[in-house]
Structures are given as structure tokens and as C-alpha cells.
Protein backbone atom coordinates (compact mmCIF):
# COMPACT_ATOMS: atom_id res chain seq x y z
CA MET A 1 66.49 198.99 85.11
CA PHE A 2 67.73 199.18 88.85
CA TYR A 3 66.26 197.87 91.70
CA ASP A 4 67.22 197.93 95.60
CA ALA A 5 69.44 195.16 96.32
CA VAL A 6 68.91 194.84 99.76
CA ALA A 7 65.29 194.78 99.37
CA ASN A 8 65.66 192.62 96.29
CA SER A 9 62.58 194.53 94.84
CA HIS A 10 63.57 193.12 91.26
CA GLY A 11 60.35 192.37 90.24
CA LEU A 12 61.72 188.78 87.84
CA GLN A 13 60.41 185.68 88.52
CA TYR A 14 63.67 184.79 89.46
CA ASP A 15 66.57 186.79 91.38
CA PRO A 16 68.97 187.41 88.64
CA PHE A 17 71.88 188.57 90.93
CA LYS A 18 73.54 185.05 90.40
CA ALA A 19 73.03 185.04 86.55
CA LEU A 20 74.89 188.94 86.61
CA VAL A 21 77.71 187.58 88.97
CA ALA A 22 78.93 185.34 85.54
CA PRO A 23 80.57 183.08 84.68
CA ARG A 24 82.16 181.76 88.72
CA PRO A 25 83.98 179.21 88.94
CA ILE A 26 83.58 175.66 90.70
CA GLY A 27 85.55 174.76 93.79
CA TRP A 28 85.43 171.19 94.28
CA ILE A 29 86.28 170.81 97.62
CA SER A 30 87.25 167.41 99.59
CA THR A 31 88.03 167.86 103.38
CA LEU A 32 88.34 164.96 106.17
CA GLY A 33 85.79 164.73 109.01
CA LYS A 34 87.36 163.94 112.41
CA ASN A 35 85.90 160.43 111.68
CA GLY A 36 88.38 160.17 108.83
CA VAL A 37 85.50 160.28 106.56
CA VAL A 38 86.03 161.69 102.93
CA ASN A 39 83.58 165.17 102.15
CA LEU A 40 83.16 166.04 98.65
CA ALA A 41 80.96 168.87 97.70
CA PRO A 42 81.55 171.65 95.13
CA TYR A 43 80.90 175.64 95.42
CA SER A 44 79.81 178.40 93.20
CA PHE A 45 80.81 180.80 95.39
CA PHE A 46 84.33 180.62 95.46
CA ASN A 47 87.89 181.94 93.95
CA ALA A 48 91.51 183.28 94.04
CA VAL A 49 92.08 185.91 95.70
CA SER A 50 95.73 186.55 96.48
CA GLU A 51 98.73 185.68 94.56
CA ASN A 52 101.64 185.51 96.26
CA PRO A 53 101.23 184.40 98.86
CA HIS A 54 98.31 181.97 96.96
CA TYR A 55 94.97 181.94 98.62
CA LEU A 56 91.82 180.47 97.85
CA MET A 57 87.98 181.33 99.04
CA PHE A 58 84.97 179.15 99.22
CA GLY A 59 81.24 180.95 100.13
CA SER A 60 79.10 178.35 102.13
CA GLY A 61 75.51 179.18 103.20
CA GLY A 62 74.86 177.98 106.28
CA ARG A 63 77.62 175.82 108.05
CA LYS A 64 78.62 172.67 106.12
CA ASP A 65 80.80 169.98 106.48
CA SER A 66 83.33 171.32 104.06
CA GLN A 67 83.39 174.81 106.55
CA ILE A 68 83.50 172.15 109.55
CA ASN A 69 86.25 170.06 108.47
CA ALA A 70 88.23 172.59 107.50
CA GLU A 71 88.04 174.45 110.46
CA GLU A 72 88.65 171.52 112.65
CA THR A 73 91.56 169.55 111.02
CA GLY A 74 92.66 172.97 109.45
CA GLU A 75 93.13 171.67 105.68
CA PHE A 76 91.49 171.49 102.40
CA VAL A 77 91.80 170.57 99.00
CA CYS A 78 90.44 172.09 96.00
CA SER A 79 90.08 169.88 92.73
CA LEU A 80 89.05 171.45 89.63
CA ALA A 81 85.82 170.75 88.18
CA THR A 82 85.74 169.76 84.53
CA TYR A 83 83.39 169.15 81.64
CA PRO A 84 84.24 165.54 81.94
CA LEU A 85 83.33 165.67 85.60
CA ARG A 86 80.50 167.39 85.89
CA GLU A 87 77.76 164.66 86.47
CA ALA A 88 80.12 163.53 89.07
CA VAL A 89 80.48 167.65 90.78
CA GLY A 90 76.40 167.53 90.40
CA LYS A 91 76.08 164.09 92.45
CA THR A 92 78.60 165.75 94.84
CA SER A 93 76.21 168.73 95.54
CA MET A 94 73.64 166.33 97.43
CA ALA A 95 72.98 166.72 101.35
CA VAL A 96 74.23 163.12 102.75
CA SER A 97 75.42 162.37 106.02
CA PRO A 98 78.70 163.16 107.10
CA ASP A 99 79.22 159.38 107.53
CA VAL A 100 79.22 158.92 103.89
CA ASP A 101 82.13 159.40 102.00
CA GLU A 102 81.02 161.09 98.50
CA MET A 103 84.17 160.39 96.74
CA ALA A 104 83.37 156.89 96.90
CA LEU A 105 79.50 157.62 96.87
CA VAL A 106 79.44 158.72 93.16
CA GLY A 107 82.73 156.39 91.88
CA LEU A 108 86.11 159.09 92.12
CA THR A 109 89.42 158.03 93.11
CA PRO A 110 91.03 159.44 96.10
CA ALA A 111 94.55 160.46 95.27
CA ALA A 112 96.95 160.93 97.92
CA SER A 113 98.19 164.71 98.73
CA HIS A 114 102.10 165.33 99.67
CA LEU A 115 101.09 168.22 102.09
CA VAL A 116 97.95 167.89 103.59
CA SER A 117 95.51 165.24 104.92
CA PRO A 118 92.62 165.02 102.41
CA PRO A 119 92.85 163.84 99.35
CA ARG A 120 92.41 165.05 95.85
CA VAL A 121 90.26 163.78 93.23
CA LYS A 122 92.27 161.61 91.12
CA GLU A 123 90.40 162.11 87.51
CA SER A 124 90.96 165.91 88.43
CA PRO A 125 93.34 167.51 86.25
CA VAL A 126 94.37 169.94 88.88
CA ALA A 127 94.15 170.42 92.22
CA PHE A 128 95.22 172.88 94.86
CA GLU A 129 96.26 171.85 98.34
CA CYS A 130 95.38 174.10 101.18
CA LYS A 131 95.71 175.45 104.78
CA TYR A 132 92.67 176.90 106.38
CA TYR A 133 93.38 180.38 107.47
CA LYS A 134 90.33 181.98 108.50
CA THR A 135 86.56 182.12 108.56
CA ILE A 136 84.89 185.17 107.90
CA THR A 137 81.41 185.30 108.94
CA LEU A 138 79.06 187.80 107.14
CA PRO A 139 76.47 189.77 108.69
CA GLY A 140 72.73 189.30 107.85
CA LEU A 141 70.57 192.47 107.08
CA ASP A 142 69.86 193.10 110.47
CA GLY A 143 73.64 193.06 111.17
CA GLU A 144 73.74 190.16 113.27
CA PRO A 145 76.12 187.27 112.45
CA GLY A 146 74.30 185.66 109.61
CA ASP A 147 74.21 181.91 107.69
CA ASN A 148 77.24 182.85 105.49
CA ALA A 149 80.36 182.69 105.73
CA ILE A 150 84.07 182.74 103.42
CA ILE A 151 86.27 180.58 103.67
CA LEU A 152 89.96 180.90 103.42
CA GLY A 153 92.99 178.57 103.22
CA GLN A 154 96.41 179.25 101.83
CA VAL A 155 97.41 177.19 98.94
CA VAL A 156 100.69 175.04 100.03
CA GLY A 157 100.84 173.04 96.82
CA ILE A 158 99.42 172.40 93.29
CA HIS A 159 98.78 169.28 90.92
CA ILE A 160 98.70 169.71 87.57
CA ASP A 161 98.13 167.06 84.55
CA ASP A 162 101.36 167.17 82.66
CA GLU A 163 99.45 166.72 79.50
CA MET A 164 97.24 169.87 80.19
CA ILE A 165 101.23 171.83 79.64
CA GLU A 166 102.33 173.03 76.32
CA PRO A 167 105.50 173.29 74.71
CA ASP A 168 105.41 176.56 75.77
CA GLN A 169 105.66 176.19 79.38
CA THR A 170 101.89 177.47 79.71
CA VAL A 171 98.75 175.65 80.47
CA ASP A 172 96.30 175.13 77.82
CA VAL A 173 92.60 175.93 79.56
CA THR A 174 91.01 174.50 76.46
CA LYS A 175 92.53 171.25 77.54
CA LEU A 176 91.20 171.61 81.28
CA LYS A 177 87.84 172.59 80.06
CA PRO A 178 86.54 174.06 83.56
CA ILE A 179 82.87 174.32 84.55
CA ALA A 180 81.68 177.64 85.93
CA ARG A 181 78.70 178.09 87.41
CA LEU A 182 75.65 180.55 85.73
CA GLY A 183 72.31 181.67 86.72
CA TYR A 184 69.32 179.33 87.43
CA ARG A 185 70.37 176.03 85.93
CA ASP A 186 72.65 176.92 83.91
CA TYR A 187 76.49 176.02 83.29
CA ALA A 188 79.52 177.05 80.97
CA VAL A 189 82.68 175.28 79.92
CA VAL A 190 85.69 177.11 79.02
CA ASP A 191 86.80 175.66 75.77
CA SER A 192 88.18 178.95 73.59
CA VAL A 193 90.09 181.79 74.63
CA PHE A 194 91.27 185.29 73.33
CA SER A 195 94.58 186.77 74.19
CA VAL A 196 95.39 190.45 75.46
CA GLY A 197 98.33 191.88 76.03
CA ASP A 198 101.97 189.96 77.34
CA LYS A 199 101.79 186.49 79.11
CA LYS A 200 102.38 186.61 82.92
């Protein structure tokens, strides 16, 4: 089949777009509000966009607390969303007041970052400390600024649980067990890999 993506005339019961752009890593973004309250939320429009220097992005539909806090404070942290933490990841997607500490709400432990103020999730095996760089507001179908934005940050510090590092000094992603967003209400977990070519 082919359909006009602007008109979104697919004729299916559900929009297939997110099921086709899959799997997508989940950015579990922690920020601090001006009031000092921790905000933690998962973003399935998320990825690395540069290697040297390292940059990450997350996409926000609507100007949510994570975007506001990152812009106002200039910092955010991305902890890895993993299979053992899947229930907590899901719970932190709930809409709550900016005065609610989501880490405390779902029983997670805040761990101090080294180079930025927002805490990382202690239970997560990987975290990226980021300095906010820029927000790109995406235009809507009418060409005017819309509700969607890309938030970019430079990675300035990385935490890795030593148990995840193999004797050959590579990270074993099957130990990390990152979860990814698929379409509809579906998720995946990385628990097997195959290799092509040399390691970098």
C-alpha cells in the first residue's frame, strides 16, 4: 500500500507510523524544576545524533515539564530504560503536577550526578549527563510553529555499571536489557545480538 502521509489517509484502524519507525530507544529524562523538584519522564522519540562531541535529542509533543526544565536550567540527565525497570518507566509517563517528584512517587532512588544538577536513576545501569544546547520547534501542517519540538543536549558525563563491561572492554547490551518503544502499546527488549564487521 501507499498513502499520503500529510493527509494521513492510510485507511487503517490505527496510524501505522510509529509501528514502522521501530524499535525506538526510550529516553528516560530527569530534570530539576526551578522549585528544585525532580521531574522524570520517558520519551520514545529519542536518540543519539552525534558522536564527537556526543549529542542526544528527545522529541516532545507539547511543551512538557522536561522541556521547560531543560530550557530554564540548562541541564538534563537521560537514564537507560531497562527491562527490570519497565514498570517504573511506565508509571513515570503519567501526567502529574510539576510539584510532584516522580522518582519518589514510583520508588526510585536519585543518585547525584557529577557535572550537572539533576539526579540520575540509581537503579539504571547507564546514565548520560547533558548540558542543554537548543530547542528546535517543528512547524505544523500550516507552516506555523507547532506543538512538537526537538530538545538537544551535549553529553558531558556518562555513568556505566561496571558489571555491564566485559573482559574485552565492551559493554554487553544483553546485560543492559534496554527496552524500546514499538507501535500501538507494544515494547521490545534487547536480549540477543548479532555482529557484522569489526567492533568500533
